[in-house]
Amino acid sequence: MDNRPRPDIGGLKVELPPVLLTISALLWKLVAVASNVDFLMSPRSATFALLFGFFLATGWAVLLVVGICWLLANLFTPVRGKAVGPATIVVVGIVAFSWGVLLAVQSTGAVPHLVTKWGRTSSTCDITVDTTHLAGFKDSYDLAFVCGIVDPAQDKYADTRIAVSSTYSIHPPGRVDMLATYSVPLTAEIEELKKKATEGRPEGSVTYVPASMWYEAIIVPKGMDMSALHRLSDVTIYGGNILDRNYFE
């Protein structure tokens, strides 16, 4: 039996492996949550996605509990073996692997395609959103969407010719159908396009209004007054996020 002194951490005599495992598991989960890795993850391998999803939901907690139990047991037992023994090597390997996978997912991940269907009428626009990847937002955010006119001469982010839907609860996995009524500026623009399209044609003739539209799913803080949104940029100003790889922060 080797009764050499343990490292002194905060006044307690403990070994390195359980401390490293416990702190690493906790920090791993905090970083994963803060970076929305479950939303951004889009691995091509279904097996990898399943394994990573398990570690994100349960695996980190298992390592945390093992680390804490090991740490408590370590306080009442003498140190055995070498300073850098098999336990240290195994723990360092687990920590390196878990952080390597997390960094790989963060660096290669992208905002998934959530909008599965979209369309418009003369006064409304609508979309269907797949909420499978939105589980991490359901407690603090609601789902909504914004649509507007495609106009290369205007900054889409600042254009006020938009329609903003009401908010919808996030209940993954599933699909949410949403509807938005055109704002006054957007209605005026549609009418102007319709007027131009009907010039020189018989009165009352049915004419397609050549208006291309863009559609953006968004998340906003629960309880937000949607009437405060007058342009797409207002979403982030009021604490929300645009679920598009070009805008997501």
C-alpha atoms as a PDB file:
ATOM      1  CA  MET A   1       0.000   0.000   0.000  1.00  0.00           C
ATOM      2  CA  ASP A   2       1.273   3.420  -0.992  1.00  0.00           C
ATOM      3  CA  ASN A   3       0.412   6.071   1.589  1.00  0.00           C
ATOM      4  CA  ARG A   4       2.114   8.988  -0.144  1.00  0.00           C
ATOM      5  CA  PRO A   5       0.331  12.344   0.267  1.00  0.00           C
ATOM      6  CA  ARG A   6      -2.445  13.264  -2.127  1.00  0.00           C
ATOM      7  CA  PRO A   7      -2.510  16.632  -3.942  1.00  0.00           C
ATOM      8  CA  ASP A   8      -3.985  19.348  -1.769  1.00  0.00           C
ATOM      9  CA  ILE A   9      -7.049  20.835  -3.536  1.00  0.00           C
ATOM     10  CA  GLY A  10      -9.037  23.360  -1.529  1.00  0.00           C
ATOM     11  CA  GLY A  11      -7.753  21.900   1.726  1.00  0.00           C
ATOM     12  CA  LEU A  12      -8.816  18.352   0.756  1.00  0.00           C
ATOM     13  CA  LYS A  13      -6.413  15.529  -0.029  1.00  0.00           C
ATOM     14  CA  VAL A  14      -7.651  14.004  -3.302  1.00  0.00           C
ATOM     15  CA  GLU A  15      -6.357  12.274  -6.415  1.00  0.00           C
ATOM     16  CA  LEU A  16      -6.383  13.889  -9.845  1.00  0.00           C
ATOM     17  CA  PRO A  17      -8.537  11.425 -11.907  1.00  0.00           C
ATOM     18  CA  PRO A  18     -11.907  11.873 -10.072  1.00  0.00           C
ATOM     19  CA  VAL A  19     -11.426  15.646  -9.894  1.00  0.00           C
ATOM     20  CA  LEU A  20     -10.635  15.835 -13.612  1.00  0.00           C
ATOM     21  CA  LEU A  21     -13.583  13.603 -14.543  1.00  0.00           C
ATOM     22  CA  THR A  22     -16.086  15.523 -12.410  1.00  0.00           C
ATOM     23  CA  ILE A  23     -15.072  19.014 -13.515  1.00  0.00           C
ATOM     24  CA  SER A  24     -14.739  18.010 -17.164  1.00  0.00           C
ATOM     25  CA  ALA A  25     -18.208  16.400 -17.330  1.00  0.00           C
ATOM     26  CA  LEU A  26     -19.846  19.471 -15.795  1.00  0.00           C
ATOM     27  CA  LEU A  27     -17.984  21.947 -18.006  1.00  0.00           C
ATOM     28  CA  TRP A  28     -18.711  19.818 -21.086  1.00  0.00           C
ATOM     29  CA  LYS A  29     -22.462  20.026 -20.478  1.00  0.00           C
ATOM     30  CA  LEU A  30     -22.342  23.775 -19.765  1.00  0.00           C
ATOM     31  CA  VAL A  31     -20.436  24.467 -22.987  1.00  0.00           C
ATOM     32  CA  ALA A  32     -22.747  22.187 -24.994  1.00  0.00           C
ATOM     33  CA  VAL A  33     -25.841  23.984 -23.704  1.00  0.00           C
ATOM     34  CA  ALA A  34     -24.357  27.464 -24.138  1.00  0.00           C
ATOM     35  CA  SER A  35     -23.359  26.735 -27.744  1.00  0.00           C
ATOM     36  CA  ASN A  36     -26.713  25.106 -28.698  1.00  0.00           C
ATOM     37  CA  VAL A  37     -24.803  22.111 -30.023  1.00  0.00           C
ATOM     38  CA  ASP A  38     -27.956  19.952 -30.073  1.00  0.00           C
ATOM     39  CA  PHE A  39     -29.515  22.450 -32.508  1.00  0.00           C
ATOM     40  CA  LEU A  40     -26.449  22.926 -34.688  1.00  0.00           C
ATOM     41  CA  MET A  41     -25.509  19.248 -34.847  1.00  0.00           C
ATOM     42  CA  SER A  42     -26.050  17.773 -38.293  1.00  0.00           C
ATOM     43  CA  PRO A  43     -23.831  14.674 -38.588  1.00  0.00           C
ATOM     44  CA  ARG A  44     -24.203  12.501 -41.666  1.00  0.00           C
ATOM     45  CA  SER A  45     -23.846   9.286 -39.670  1.00  0.00           C
ATOM     46  CA  ALA A  46     -27.047   8.233 -37.896  1.00  0.00           C
ATOM     47  CA  THR A  47     -25.001   6.086 -35.488  1.00  0.00           C
ATOM     48  CA  PHE A  48     -22.813   9.020 -34.521  1.00  0.00           C
ATOM     49  CA  ALA A  49     -25.880  11.232 -34.044  1.00  0.00           C
ATOM     50  CA  LEU A  50     -27.447   8.609 -31.768  1.00  0.00           C
ATOM     51  CA  LEU A  51     -24.305   8.182 -29.663  1.00  0.00           C
ATOM     52  CA  PHE A  52     -23.687  11.902 -29.385  1.00  0.00           C
ATOM     53  CA  GLY A  53     -27.337  12.510 -28.516  1.00  0.00           C
ATOM     54  CA  PHE A  54     -27.096   9.931 -25.720  1.00  0.00           C
ATOM     55  CA  PHE A  55     -23.953  11.530 -24.312  1.00  0.00           C
ATOM     56  CA  LEU A  56     -25.534  14.986 -24.533  1.00  0.00           C
ATOM     57  CA  ALA A  57     -28.681  13.883 -22.719  1.00  0.00           C
ATOM     58  CA  THR A  58     -27.411  11.218 -20.285  1.00  0.00           C
ATOM     59  CA  GLY A  59     -23.762  10.294 -20.749  1.00  0.00           C
ATOM     60  CA  TRP A  60     -22.363  13.473 -19.234  1.00  0.00           C
ATOM     61  CA  ALA A  61     -24.507  12.934 -16.104  1.00  0.00           C
ATOM     62  CA  VAL A  62     -23.240   9.360 -15.776  1.00  0.00           C
ATOM     63  CA  LEU A  63     -19.633  10.574 -15.896  1.00  0.00           C
ATOM     64  CA  LEU A  64     -20.465  13.317 -13.389  1.00  0.00           C
ATOM     65  CA  VAL A  65     -21.992  10.843 -10.916  1.00  0.00           C
ATOM     66  CA  VAL A  66     -19.075   8.434 -11.350  1.00  0.00           C
ATOM     67  CA  GLY A  67     -16.632  11.270 -10.767  1.00  0.00           C
ATOM     68  CA  ILE A  68     -18.403  12.479  -7.625  1.00  0.00           C
ATOM     69  CA  CYS A  69     -18.700   8.963  -6.157  1.00  0.00           C
ATOM     70  CA  TRP A  70     -15.075   8.261  -6.975  1.00  0.00           C
ATOM     71  CA  LEU A  71     -14.072  11.547  -5.396  1.00  0.00           C
ATOM     72  CA  LEU A  72     -16.001  10.830  -2.179  1.00  0.00           C
ATOM     73  CA  ALA A  73     -14.580   7.319  -1.943  1.00  0.00           C
ATOM     74  CA  ASN A  74     -11.105   8.692  -2.597  1.00  0.00           C
ATOM     75  CA  LEU A  75     -11.316  10.893   0.493  1.00  0.00           C
ATOM     76  CA  PHE A  76     -11.464   7.845   2.741  1.00  0.00           C
ATOM     77  CA  THR A  77      -9.025   5.506   1.044  1.00  0.00           C
ATOM     78  CA  PRO A  78      -5.258   5.685   0.669  1.00  0.00           C
ATOM     79  CA  VAL A  79      -3.623   6.317  -2.685  1.00  0.00           C
ATOM     80  CA  ARG A  80      -2.548   3.152  -4.434  1.00  0.00           C
ATOM     81  CA  GLY A  81      -0.154   2.637  -7.318  1.00  0.00           C
ATOM     82  CA  LYS A  82       1.764   5.122  -9.397  1.00  0.00           C
ATOM     83  CA  ALA A  83       1.190   8.867  -9.615  1.00  0.00           C
ATOM     84  CA  VAL A  84       0.197   8.450 -13.275  1.00  0.00           C
ATOM     85  CA  GLY A  85      -1.501   5.074 -13.316  1.00  0.00           C
ATOM     86  CA  PRO A  86      -4.113   3.374 -15.515  1.00  0.00           C
ATOM     87  CA  ALA A  87      -6.953   5.378 -13.920  1.00  0.00           C
ATOM     88  CA  THR A  88      -5.363   8.677 -14.882  1.00  0.00           C
ATOM     89  CA  ILE A  89      -4.706   7.497 -18.438  1.00  0.00           C
ATOM     90  CA  VAL A  90      -8.310   6.273 -18.869  1.00  0.00           C
ATOM     91  CA  VAL A  91      -9.809   9.502 -17.514  1.00  0.00           C
ATOM     92  CA  VAL A  92      -7.566  11.685 -19.670  1.00  0.00           C
ATOM     93  CA  GLY A  93      -8.577   9.580 -22.678  1.00  0.00           C
ATOM     94  CA  ILE A  94     -12.307   9.997 -21.913  1.00  0.00           C
ATOM     95  CA  VAL A  95     -11.932  13.732 -21.384  1.00  0.00           C
ATOM     96  CA  ALA A  96      -9.898  14.210 -24.566  1.00  0.00           C
ATOM     97  CA  PHE A  97     -12.353  12.164 -26.628  1.00  0.00           C
ATOM     98  CA  SER A  98     -15.486  13.911 -25.318  1.00  0.00           C
ATOM     99  CA  TRP A  99     -14.075  17.398 -25.826  1.00  0.00           C
ATOM    100  CA  GLY A 100     -12.717  16.456 -29.245  1.00  0.00           C
ATOM    101  CA  VAL A 101     -16.158  15.280 -30.376  1.00  0.00           C
ATOM    102  CA  LEU A 102     -17.815  18.417 -28.998  1.00  0.00           C
ATOM    103  CA  LEU A 103     -15.363  20.711 -30.788  1.00  0.00           C
ATOM    104  CA  ALA A 104     -15.775  18.727 -34.009  1.00  0.00           C
ATOM    105  CA  VAL A 105     -19.560  19.077 -33.881  1.00  0.00           C
ATOM    106  CA  GLN A 106     -19.288  22.793 -33.136  1.00  0.00           C
ATOM    107  CA  SER A 107     -16.893  23.408 -36.017  1.00  0.00           C
ATOM    108  CA  THR A 108     -18.799  21.348 -38.597  1.00  0.00           C
ATOM    109  CA  GLY A 109     -22.357  21.862 -37.419  1.00  0.00           C
ATOM    110  CA  ALA A 110     -24.805  24.159 -39.143  1.00  0.00           C
ATOM    111  CA  VAL A 111     -28.330  25.427 -38.625  1.00  0.00           C
ATOM    112  CA  PRO A 112     -30.589  22.627 -39.926  1.00  0.00           C
ATOM    113  CA  HIS A 113     -33.307  23.225 -42.503  1.00  0.00           C
ATOM    114  CA  LEU A 114     -36.464  23.638 -40.427  1.00  0.00           C
ATOM    115  CA  VAL A 115     -39.011  25.041 -42.894  1.00  0.00           C
ATOM    116  CA  THR A 116     -40.598  22.091 -44.717  1.00  0.00           C
ATOM    117  CA  LYS A 117     -43.437  23.903 -46.511  1.00  0.00           C
ATOM    118  CA  TRP A 118     -44.283  27.488 -47.404  1.00  0.00           C
ATOM    119  CA  GLY A 119     -46.813  29.448 -49.436  1.00  0.00           C
ATOM    120  CA  ARG A 120     -48.913  32.607 -49.650  1.00  0.00           C
ATOM    121  CA  THR A 121     -52.301  34.007 -50.577  1.00  0.00           C
ATOM    122  CA  SER A 122     -53.371  37.540 -51.493  1.00  0.00           C
ATOM    123  CA  SER A 123     -53.274  38.592 -47.831  1.00  0.00           C
ATOM    124  CA  THR A 124     -51.358  35.952 -45.847  1.00  0.00           C
ATOM    125  CA  CYS A 125     -48.282  33.773 -45.925  1.00  0.00           C
ATOM    126  CA  ASP A 126     -47.784  30.445 -44.175  1.00  0.00           C
ATOM    127  CA  ILE A 127     -45.061  27.926 -43.378  1.00  0.00           C
ATOM    128  CA  THR A 128     -44.621  24.551 -41.702  1.00  0.00           C
ATOM    129  CA  VAL A 129     -41.666  24.115 -39.342  1.00  0.00           C
ATOM    130  CA  ASP A 130     -40.074  20.870 -38.181  1.00  0.00           C
ATOM    131  CA  THR A 131     -39.445  21.282 -34.427  1.00  0.00           C
ATOM    132  CA  THR A 132     -37.273  18.170 -33.996  1.00  0.00           C
ATOM    133  CA  HIS A 133     -34.093  20.204 -33.400  1.00  0.00           C
ATOM    134  CA  LEU A 134     -35.710  22.850 -31.186  1.00  0.00           C
ATOM    135  CA  ALA A 135     -35.976  20.924 -27.898  1.00  0.00           C
ATOM    136  CA  GLY A 136     -33.271  23.066 -26.304  1.00  0.00           C
ATOM    137  CA  PHE A 137     -35.348  26.232 -26.815  1.00  0.00           C
ATOM    138  CA  LYS A 138     -38.817  25.082 -25.722  1.00  0.00           C
ATOM    139  CA  ASP A 139     -38.621  26.273 -22.102  1.00  0.00           C
ATOM    140  CA  SER A 140     -37.522  29.853 -22.792  1.00  0.00           C
ATOM    141  CA  TYR A 141     -38.686  30.598 -26.336  1.00  0.00           C
ATOM    142  CA  ASP A 142     -41.725  30.448 -28.589  1.00  0.00           C
ATOM    143  CA  LEU A 143     -41.725  29.791 -32.314  1.00  0.00           C
ATOM    144  CA  ALA A 144     -42.872  32.291 -34.953  1.00  0.00           C
ATOM    145  CA  PHE A 145     -41.989  33.381 -38.481  1.00  0.00           C
ATOM    146  CA  VAL A 146     -41.564  36.410 -40.695  1.00  0.00           C
ATOM    147  CA  CYS A 147     -42.114  36.678 -44.446  1.00  0.00           C
ATOM    148  CA  GLY A 148     -41.482  39.501 -46.877  1.00  0.00           C
ATOM    149  CA  ILE A 149     -40.905  40.583 -50.444  1.00  0.00           C
ATOM    150  CA  VAL A 150     -37.736  39.477 -52.243  1.00  0.00           C
ATOM    151  CA  ASP A 151     -36.232  42.764 -53.413  1.00  0.00           C
ATOM    152  CA  PRO A 152     -32.540  43.006 -54.343  1.00  0.00           C
ATOM    153  CA  ALA A 153     -32.795  46.781 -54.007  1.00  0.00           C
ATOM    154  CA  GLN A 154     -33.712  46.515 -50.306  1.00  0.00           C
ATOM    155  CA  ASP A 155     -31.878  45.166 -47.281  1.00  0.00           C
ATOM    156  CA  LYS A 156     -33.945  42.150 -46.261  1.00  0.00           C
ATOM    157  CA  TYR A 157     -32.830  42.629 -42.667  1.00  0.00           C
ATOM    158  CA  ALA A 158     -34.216  46.194 -42.524  1.00  0.00           C
ATOM    159  CA  ASP A 159     -37.222  45.955 -44.871  1.00  0.00           C
ATOM    160  CA  THR A 160     -40.535  46.894 -43.190  1.00  0.00           C
ATOM    161  CA  ARG A 161     -42.659  45.240 -45.895  1.00  0.00           C
ATOM    162  CA  ILE A 162     -43.133  42.077 -43.869  1.00  0.00           C
ATOM    163  CA  ALA A 163     -45.716  39.855 -42.218  1.00  0.00           C
ATOM    164  CA  VAL A 164     -45.164  38.623 -38.660  1.00  0.00           C
ATOM    165  CA  SER A 165     -47.013  35.631 -37.238  1.00  0.00           C
ATOM    166  CA  SER A 166     -48.231  35.167 -33.692  1.00  0.00           C
ATOM    167  CA  THR A 167     -46.203  32.904 -31.380  1.00  0.00           C
ATOM    168  CA  TYR A 168     -46.484  29.122 -31.145  1.00  0.00           C
ATOM    169  CA  SER A 169     -45.320  26.782 -28.393  1.00  0.00           C
ATOM    170  CA  ILE A 170     -42.447  24.432 -29.227  1.00  0.00           C
ATOM    171  CA  HIS A 171     -43.354  20.769 -28.760  1.00  0.00           C
ATOM    172  CA  PRO A 172     -40.645  18.602 -30.343  1.00  0.00           C
ATOM    173  CA  PRO A 173     -40.608  16.369 -32.185  1.00  0.00           C
ATOM    174  CA  GLY A 174     -43.338  17.454 -34.545  1.00  0.00           C
ATOM    175  CA  ARG A 175     -44.428  19.996 -37.130  1.00  0.00           C
ATOM    176  CA  VAL A 176     -46.045  23.381 -36.570  1.00  0.00           C
ATOM    177  CA  ASP A 177     -48.208  25.129 -39.165  1.00  0.00           C
ATOM    178  CA  MET A 178     -48.063  28.921 -38.868  1.00  0.00           C
ATOM    179  CA  LEU A 179     -49.923  31.771 -40.569  1.00  0.00           C
ATOM    180  CA  ALA A 180     -49.107  35.498 -40.798  1.00  0.00           C
ATOM    181  CA  THR A 181     -51.230  38.365 -42.132  1.00  0.00           C
ATOM    182  CA  TYR A 182     -49.552  40.977 -44.318  1.00  0.00           C
ATOM    183  CA  SER A 183     -48.646  44.259 -42.649  1.00  0.00           C
ATOM    184  CA  VAL A 184     -49.875  47.561 -44.124  1.00  0.00           C
ATOM    185  CA  PRO A 185     -46.550  48.228 -45.951  1.00  0.00           C
ATOM    186  CA  LEU A 186     -46.501  44.701 -47.379  1.00  0.00           C
ATOM    187  CA  THR A 187     -50.146  44.897 -48.460  1.00  0.00           C
ATOM    188  CA  ALA A 188     -49.467  48.224 -50.194  1.00  0.00           C
ATOM    189  CA  GLU A 189     -46.496  46.686 -52.026  1.00  0.00           C
ATOM    190  CA  ILE A 190     -48.555  43.672 -53.150  1.00  0.00           C
ATOM    191  CA  GLU A 191     -51.309  45.990 -54.425  1.00  0.00           C
ATOM    192  CA  GLU A 192     -48.755  48.069 -56.314  1.00  0.00           C
ATOM    193  CA  LEU A 193     -47.327  44.951 -57.952  1.00  0.00           C
ATOM    194  CA  LYS A 194     -50.843  43.811 -58.813  1.00  0.00           C
ATOM    195  CA  LYS A 195     -51.632  47.193 -60.356  1.00  0.00           C
ATOM    196  CA  LYS A 196     -48.535  47.039 -62.528  1.00  0.00           C
ATOM    197  CA  ALA A 197     -49.326  43.465 -63.566  1.00  0.00           C
ATOM    198  CA  THR A 198     -52.890  44.361 -64.659  1.00  0.00           C
ATOM    199  CA  GLU A 199     -51.990  47.446 -66.695  1.00  0.00           C
ATOM    200  CA  GLY A 200     -53.247  47.069 -70.254  1.00  0.00           C
ATOM    201  CA  ARG A 201     -55.377  44.032 -69.428  1.00  0.00           C
ATOM    202  CA  PRO A 202     -59.186  43.741 -69.409  1.00  0.00           C
ATOM    203  CA  GLU A 203     -60.760  44.816 -66.122  1.00  0.00           C
ATOM    204  CA  GLY A 204     -61.546  41.880 -63.872  1.00  0.00           C
ATOM    205  CA  SER A 205     -59.105  39.521 -65.538  1.00  0.00           C
ATOM    206  CA  VAL A 206     -57.320  37.115 -63.198  1.00  0.00           C
ATOM    207  CA  THR A 207     -53.685  38.035 -62.984  1.00  0.00           C
ATOM    208  CA  TYR A 208     -50.862  36.374 -61.114  1.00  0.00           C
ATOM    209  CA  VAL A 209     -49.033  38.857 -58.914  1.00  0.00           C
ATOM    210  CA  PRO A 210     -45.295  38.355 -59.618  1.00  0.00           C
ATOM    211  CA  ALA A 211     -44.083  38.724 -56.026  1.00  0.00           C
ATOM    212  CA  SER A 212     -41.355  36.387 -54.814  1.00  0.00           C
ATOM    213  CA  MET A 213     -41.403  35.981 -51.038  1.00  0.00           C
ATOM    214  CA  TRP A 214     -38.835  34.980 -48.433  1.00  0.00           C
ATOM    215  CA  TYR A 215     -39.734  33.071 -45.258  1.00  0.00           C
ATOM    216  CA  GLU A 216     -37.742  32.975 -42.004  1.00  0.00           C
ATOM    217  CA  ALA A 217     -38.587  30.901 -38.919  1.00  0.00           C
ATOM    218  CA  ILE A 218     -37.664  32.671 -35.684  1.00  0.00           C
ATOM    219  CA  ILE A 219     -37.647  32.064 -31.939  1.00  0.00           C
ATOM    220  CA  VAL A 220     -38.583  34.831 -29.489  1.00  0.00           C
ATOM    221  CA  PRO A 221     -38.639  35.020 -25.682  1.00  0.00           C
ATOM    222  CA  LYS A 222     -41.852  33.673 -24.188  1.00  0.00           C
ATOM    223  CA  GLY A 223     -44.495  36.353 -23.667  1.00  0.00           C
ATOM    224  CA  MET A 224     -43.023  38.734 -26.242  1.00  0.00           C
ATOM    225  CA  ASP A 225     -45.336  41.288 -27.876  1.00  0.00           C
ATOM    226  CA  MET A 226     -45.024  40.474 -31.572  1.00  0.00           C
ATOM    227  CA  SER A 227     -46.356  43.891 -32.576  1.00  0.00           C
ATOM    228  CA  ALA A 228     -42.910  45.237 -31.625  1.00  0.00           C
ATOM    229  CA  LEU A 229     -41.366  43.530 -34.663  1.00  0.00           C
ATOM    230  CA  HIS A 230     -41.365  45.841 -37.697  1.00  0.00           C
ATOM    231  CA  ARG A 231     -38.358  44.384 -39.520  1.00  0.00           C
ATOM    232  CA  LEU A 232     -36.335  41.184 -39.413  1.00  0.00           C
ATOM    233  CA  SER A 233     -33.491  42.839 -37.497  1.00  0.00           C
ATOM    234  CA  ASP A 234     -35.870  43.531 -34.581  1.00  0.00           C
ATOM    235  CA  VAL A 235     -35.876  39.800 -33.765  1.00  0.00           C
ATOM    236  CA  THR A 236     -32.357  39.827 -32.325  1.00  0.00           C
ATOM    237  CA  ILE A 237     -32.819  43.274 -30.763  1.00  0.00           C
ATOM    238  CA  TYR A 238     -35.612  41.871 -28.580  1.00  0.00           C
ATOM    239  CA  GLY A 239     -33.661  38.773 -27.555  1.00  0.00           C
ATOM    240  CA  GLY A 240     -34.814  36.346 -30.222  1.00  0.00           C
ATOM    241  CA  ASN A 241     -32.972  34.509 -32.971  1.00  0.00           C
ATOM    242  CA  ILE A 242     -33.430  33.862 -36.674  1.00  0.00           C
ATOM    243  CA  LEU A 243     -33.280  30.146 -37.456  1.00  0.00           C
ATOM    244  CA  ASP A 244     -31.232  30.550 -40.600  1.00  0.00           C
ATOM    245  CA  ARG A 245     -27.543  29.729 -41.062  1.00  0.00           C
ATOM    246  CA  ASN A 246     -26.975  33.245 -42.458  1.00  0.00           C
ATOM    247  CA  TYR A 247     -28.376  34.982 -39.365  1.00  0.00           C
ATOM    248  CA  PHE A 248     -28.303  32.581 -36.383  1.00  0.00           C
ATOM    249  CA  GLU A 249     -26.174  33.883 -33.493  1.00  0.00           C
END
